[in-house]
Amino acid sequence: MPYIRLSNPAICIDCGGYMKKGRGAFWDAGTVTCVKCAKKRGMAEIDEDEEAILDRLEEQINGKVERIK
């Protein structure tokens, strides 16, 4: 399951909790699982490489870094 940052609000498929835009979650086949539920189920947490990619994408979106051509 890839770790994502939500671009829209979502409901956790496991606990039914509401997650606001910008929160971290795990995405799988069109469903979203909150980090708390993912930890309970023993899913892998985000690794350093994934975090670096997400940070770079966020910087590009916010205009802090030139887009790669």
C-alpha atoms as a PDB file:
ATOM      1  CA  MET A   1       0.000   0.000   0.000  1.00  0.00           C
ATOM      2  CA  PRO A   2       1.547   3.331  -0.986  1.00  0.00           C
ATOM      3  CA  TYR A   3       1.589   6.207   1.491  1.00  0.00           C
ATOM      4  CA  ILE A   4      -0.056   9.371   0.156  1.00  0.00           C
ATOM      5  CA  ARG A   5      -0.997  12.858   1.248  1.00  0.00           C
ATOM      6  CA  LEU A   6      -4.682  13.446   0.646  1.00  0.00           C
ATOM      7  CA  SER A   7      -5.591  16.074  -1.936  1.00  0.00           C
ATOM      8  CA  ASN A   8      -9.255  15.761  -0.876  1.00  0.00           C
ATOM      9  CA  PRO A   9     -10.949  14.775   2.386  1.00  0.00           C
ATOM     10  CA  ALA A  10     -11.545  11.038   2.795  1.00  0.00           C
ATOM     11  CA  ILE A  11     -13.109   8.458   5.094  1.00  0.00           C
ATOM     12  CA  CYS A  12     -10.952   5.628   6.497  1.00  0.00           C
ATOM     13  CA  ILE A  13     -12.186   2.269   5.208  1.00  0.00           C
ATOM     14  CA  ASP A  14     -11.378   0.575   8.549  1.00  0.00           C
ATOM     15  CA  CYS A  15     -12.536   2.925  11.317  1.00  0.00           C
ATOM     16  CA  GLY A  16     -14.787   5.280   9.349  1.00  0.00           C
ATOM     17  CA  GLY A  17     -12.845   8.297  10.597  1.00  0.00           C
ATOM     18  CA  TYR A  18     -12.871  11.555   8.626  1.00  0.00           C
ATOM     19  CA  MET A  19      -9.472  12.682   7.335  1.00  0.00           C
ATOM     20  CA  LYS A  20      -8.954  16.282   6.234  1.00  0.00           C
ATOM     21  CA  LYS A  21      -7.148  17.328   3.078  1.00  0.00           C
ATOM     22  CA  GLY A  22      -3.349  17.177   3.494  1.00  0.00           C
ATOM     23  CA  ARG A  23      -3.322  14.308   6.006  1.00  0.00           C
ATOM     24  CA  GLY A  24      -1.232  11.214   5.403  1.00  0.00           C
ATOM     25  CA  ALA A  25      -2.951   7.939   4.566  1.00  0.00           C
ATOM     26  CA  PHE A  26      -2.422   4.620   2.834  1.00  0.00           C
ATOM     27  CA  TRP A  27      -4.070   4.100  -0.579  1.00  0.00           C
ATOM     28  CA  ASP A  28      -5.073   0.755  -2.051  1.00  0.00           C
ATOM     29  CA  ALA A  29      -7.426   0.023  -4.950  1.00  0.00           C
ATOM     30  CA  GLY A  30      -9.464   3.189  -4.473  1.00  0.00           C
ATOM     31  CA  THR A  31      -9.739   2.892  -0.692  1.00  0.00           C
ATOM     32  CA  VAL A  32      -7.985   4.922   1.985  1.00  0.00           C
ATOM     33  CA  THR A  33      -6.753   3.717   5.384  1.00  0.00           C
ATOM     34  CA  CYS A  34      -5.689   6.186   8.070  1.00  0.00           C
ATOM     35  CA  VAL A  35      -2.195   5.856   9.510  1.00  0.00           C
ATOM     36  CA  LYS A  36      -3.557   4.845  12.937  1.00  0.00           C
ATOM     37  CA  CYS A  37      -5.492   1.876  11.488  1.00  0.00           C
ATOM     38  CA  ALA A  38      -2.569   0.938   9.244  1.00  0.00           C
ATOM     39  CA  LYS A  39      -0.265   0.748  12.268  1.00  0.00           C
ATOM     40  CA  LYS A  40      -2.787  -1.453  14.082  1.00  0.00           C
ATOM     41  CA  ARG A  41      -2.845  -3.843  11.119  1.00  0.00           C
ATOM     42  CA  GLY A  42       0.964  -3.920  10.980  1.00  0.00           C
ATOM     43  CA  MET A  43       1.432  -2.247   7.603  1.00  0.00           C
ATOM     44  CA  ALA A  44       4.814  -0.835   6.726  1.00  0.00           C
ATOM     45  CA  GLU A  45       5.338   2.815   7.578  1.00  0.00           C
ATOM     46  CA  ILE A  46       6.587   5.320   5.038  1.00  0.00           C
ATOM     47  CA  ASP A  47      10.287   4.947   4.281  1.00  0.00           C
ATOM     48  CA  GLU A  48      12.878   7.689   3.743  1.00  0.00           C
ATOM     49  CA  ASP A  49      12.797   7.419  -0.061  1.00  0.00           C
ATOM     50  CA  GLU A  50       9.014   7.793  -0.168  1.00  0.00           C
ATOM     51  CA  GLU A  51       9.163  10.782   2.198  1.00  0.00           C
ATOM     52  CA  ALA A  52      11.797  12.484   0.015  1.00  0.00           C
ATOM     53  CA  ILE A  53       9.669  11.991  -3.105  1.00  0.00           C
ATOM     54  CA  LEU A  54       6.574  13.393  -1.388  1.00  0.00           C
ATOM     55  CA  ASP A  55       8.527  16.381  -0.043  1.00  0.00           C
ATOM     56  CA  ARG A  56       9.904  17.148  -3.504  1.00  0.00           C
ATOM     57  CA  LEU A  57       6.431  16.931  -5.066  1.00  0.00           C
ATOM     58  CA  GLU A  58       5.029  19.234  -2.395  1.00  0.00           C
ATOM     59  CA  GLU A  59       7.804  21.769  -3.049  1.00  0.00           C
ATOM     60  CA  GLN A  60       7.067  21.635  -6.792  1.00  0.00           C
ATOM     61  CA  ILE A  61       3.364  22.184  -6.171  1.00  0.00           C
ATOM     62  CA  ASN A  62       4.091  25.159  -3.911  1.00  0.00           C
ATOM     63  CA  GLY A  63       6.471  26.640  -6.515  1.00  0.00           C
ATOM     64  CA  LYS A  64       9.633  26.356  -4.410  1.00  0.00           C
ATOM     65  CA  VAL A  65      11.473  24.176  -6.923  1.00  0.00           C
ATOM     66  CA  GLU A  66      11.585  24.375 -10.705  1.00  0.00           C
ATOM     67  CA  ARG A  67       9.838  21.514 -12.399  1.00  0.00           C
ATOM     68  CA  ILE A  68      12.055  18.831 -13.881  1.00  0.00           C
ATOM     69  CA  LYS A  69      12.003  19.012 -17.676  1.00  0.00           C
END
